[in-house]
C-alpha atoms as a PDB file:
ATOM      1  CA  MET A   1    -248.001 -59.148  40.390  1.00  0.00           C
ATOM      2  CA  THR A   2    -248.412 -61.381  43.879  1.00  0.00           C
ATOM      3  CA  LEU A   3    -250.305 -64.229  44.045  1.00  0.00           C
ATOM      4  CA  PRO A   4    -251.535 -66.058  47.012  1.00  0.00           C
ATOM      5  CA  ASP A   5    -249.215 -68.170  48.085  1.00  0.00           C
ATOM      6  CA  GLY A   6    -249.730 -71.803  47.098  1.00  0.00           C
ATOM      7  CA  ASN A   7    -253.021 -71.088  45.180  1.00  0.00           C
ATOM      8  CA  LEU A   8    -251.779 -70.300  42.059  1.00  0.00           C
ATOM      9  CA  VAL A   9    -248.568 -70.639  39.004  1.00  0.00           C
ATOM     10  CA  HIS A  10    -246.299 -68.517  38.193  1.00  0.00           C
ATOM     11  CA  GLY A  11    -245.865 -70.213  34.052  1.00  0.00           C
ATOM     12  CA  THR A  12    -249.804 -70.786  33.422  1.00  0.00           C
ATOM     13  CA  THR A  13    -251.668 -70.394  31.431  1.00  0.00           C
ATOM     14  CA  ASN A  14    -254.542 -69.214  33.838  1.00  0.00           C
ATOM     15  CA  VAL A  15    -252.373 -67.734  35.689  1.00  0.00           C
ATOM     16  CA  TYR A  16    -251.699 -65.012  32.932  1.00  0.00           C
ATOM     17  CA  GLY A  17    -255.466 -65.100  31.328  1.00  0.00           C
ATOM     18  CA  ASN A  18    -257.365 -65.481  34.841  1.00  0.00           C
ATOM     19  CA  HIS A  19    -255.831 -62.867  36.822  1.00  0.00           C
ATOM     20  CA  GLY A  20    -253.888 -60.869  35.224  1.00  0.00           C
ATOM     21  CA  CYS A  21    -249.936 -61.774  35.453  1.00  0.00           C
ATOM     22  CA  ARG A  22    -247.571 -59.781  33.116  1.00  0.00           C
ATOM     23  CA  CYS A  23    -244.343 -61.757  34.807  1.00  0.00           C
ATOM     24  CA  GLU A  24    -242.328 -63.048  31.859  1.00  0.00           C
ATOM     25  CA  ALA A  25    -243.230 -67.043  32.945  1.00  0.00           C
ATOM     26  CA  CYS A  26    -246.529 -66.004  32.891  1.00  0.00           C
ATOM     27  CA  LYS A  27    -246.090 -64.220  29.106  1.00  0.00           C
ATOM     28  CA  GLU A  28    -243.660 -67.231  28.032  1.00  0.00           C
ATOM     29  CA  ALA A  29    -246.142 -69.810  29.258  1.00  0.00           C
ATOM     30  CA  HIS A  30    -249.562 -67.949  27.263  1.00  0.00           C
ATOM     31  CA  ARG A  31    -247.090 -66.823  23.907  1.00  0.00           C
ATOM     32  CA  ARG A  32    -246.029 -71.108  23.235  1.00  0.00           C
ATOM     33  CA  ASN A  33    -249.739 -71.362  24.311  1.00  0.00           C
ATOM     34  CA  HIS A  34    -251.119 -69.381  21.735  1.00  0.00           C
ATOM     35  CA  ASN A  35    -248.226 -70.017  19.264  1.00  0.00           C
ATOM     36  CA  ASP A  36    -249.526 -74.017  19.483  1.00  0.00           C
ATOM     37  CA  PHE A  37    -252.798 -72.504  18.811  1.00  0.00           C
ATOM     38  CA  MET A  38    -252.439 -70.831  15.943  1.00  0.00           C
ATOM     39  CA  ARG A  39    -250.333 -73.804  14.051  1.00  0.00           C
ATOM     40  CA  ARG A  40    -253.469 -75.999  15.176  1.00  0.00           C
ATOM     41  CA  VAL A  41    -255.686 -74.161  13.546  1.00  0.00           C
ATOM     42  CA  ARG A  42    -253.835 -73.398  10.077  1.00  0.00           C
ATOM     43  CA  GLU A  43    -252.947 -76.712   9.703  1.00  0.00           C
ATOM     44  CA  SER A  44    -256.996 -77.956  10.442  1.00  0.00           C
ATOM     45  CA  GLY A  45    -257.036 -76.031   6.378  1.00  0.00           C
ATOM     46  CA  GLU A  46    -259.459 -73.658   7.903  1.00  0.00           C
ATOM     47  CA  LEU A  47    -258.289 -71.088   6.210  1.00  0.00           C
ATOM     48  CA  ALA A  48    -259.348 -72.338   3.491  1.00  0.00           C
ATOM     49  CA  ALA A  49    -262.607 -72.438   4.441  1.00  0.00           C
ATOM     50  CA  PRO A  50    -264.605 -70.104   2.215  1.00  0.00           C
ATOM     51  CA  ASP A  51    -267.515 -69.558   4.670  1.00  0.00           C
ATOM     52  CA  LYS A  52    -265.360 -68.217   6.563  1.00  0.00           C
ATOM     53  CA  LYS A  53    -265.839 -63.878   7.239  1.00  0.00           C
ATOM     54  CA  HIS A  54    -262.410 -62.368   5.579  1.00  0.00           C
ATOM     55  CA  ASP A  55    -260.993 -59.005   6.628  1.00  0.00           C
ATOM     56  CA  THR A  56    -261.174 -59.187  10.483  1.00  0.00           C
ATOM     57  CA  ALA A  57    -258.367 -58.968  12.872  1.00  0.00           C
ATOM     58  CA  TYR A  58    -258.789 -62.534  13.692  1.00  0.00           C
ATOM     59  CA  ARG A  59    -257.652 -63.901  10.421  1.00  0.00           C
ATOM     60  CA  TYR A  60    -254.957 -61.492   9.839  1.00  0.00           C
ATOM     61  CA  ASP A  61    -253.901 -62.836  12.691  1.00  0.00           C
ATOM     62  CA  LEU A  62    -253.935 -66.565  10.579  1.00  0.00           C
ATOM     63  CA  ALA A  63    -252.212 -64.952   8.039  1.00  0.00           C
ATOM     64  CA  CYS A  64    -255.206 -65.217   5.845  1.00  0.00           C
END
């Protein structure tokens, strides 16, 4: 993907999410960000909350 010169930096979640870039650097930034998010959710105890809906892809991703 070609981005405007000087406006965007590859290897960021902004370029991956908002501009659709799928270069290796942007995919790696997204992967790291998503893994950090999932770790925080798991550590927060949200998985044990009885009011959270089960049987969803989101819950599966959280290792429910």
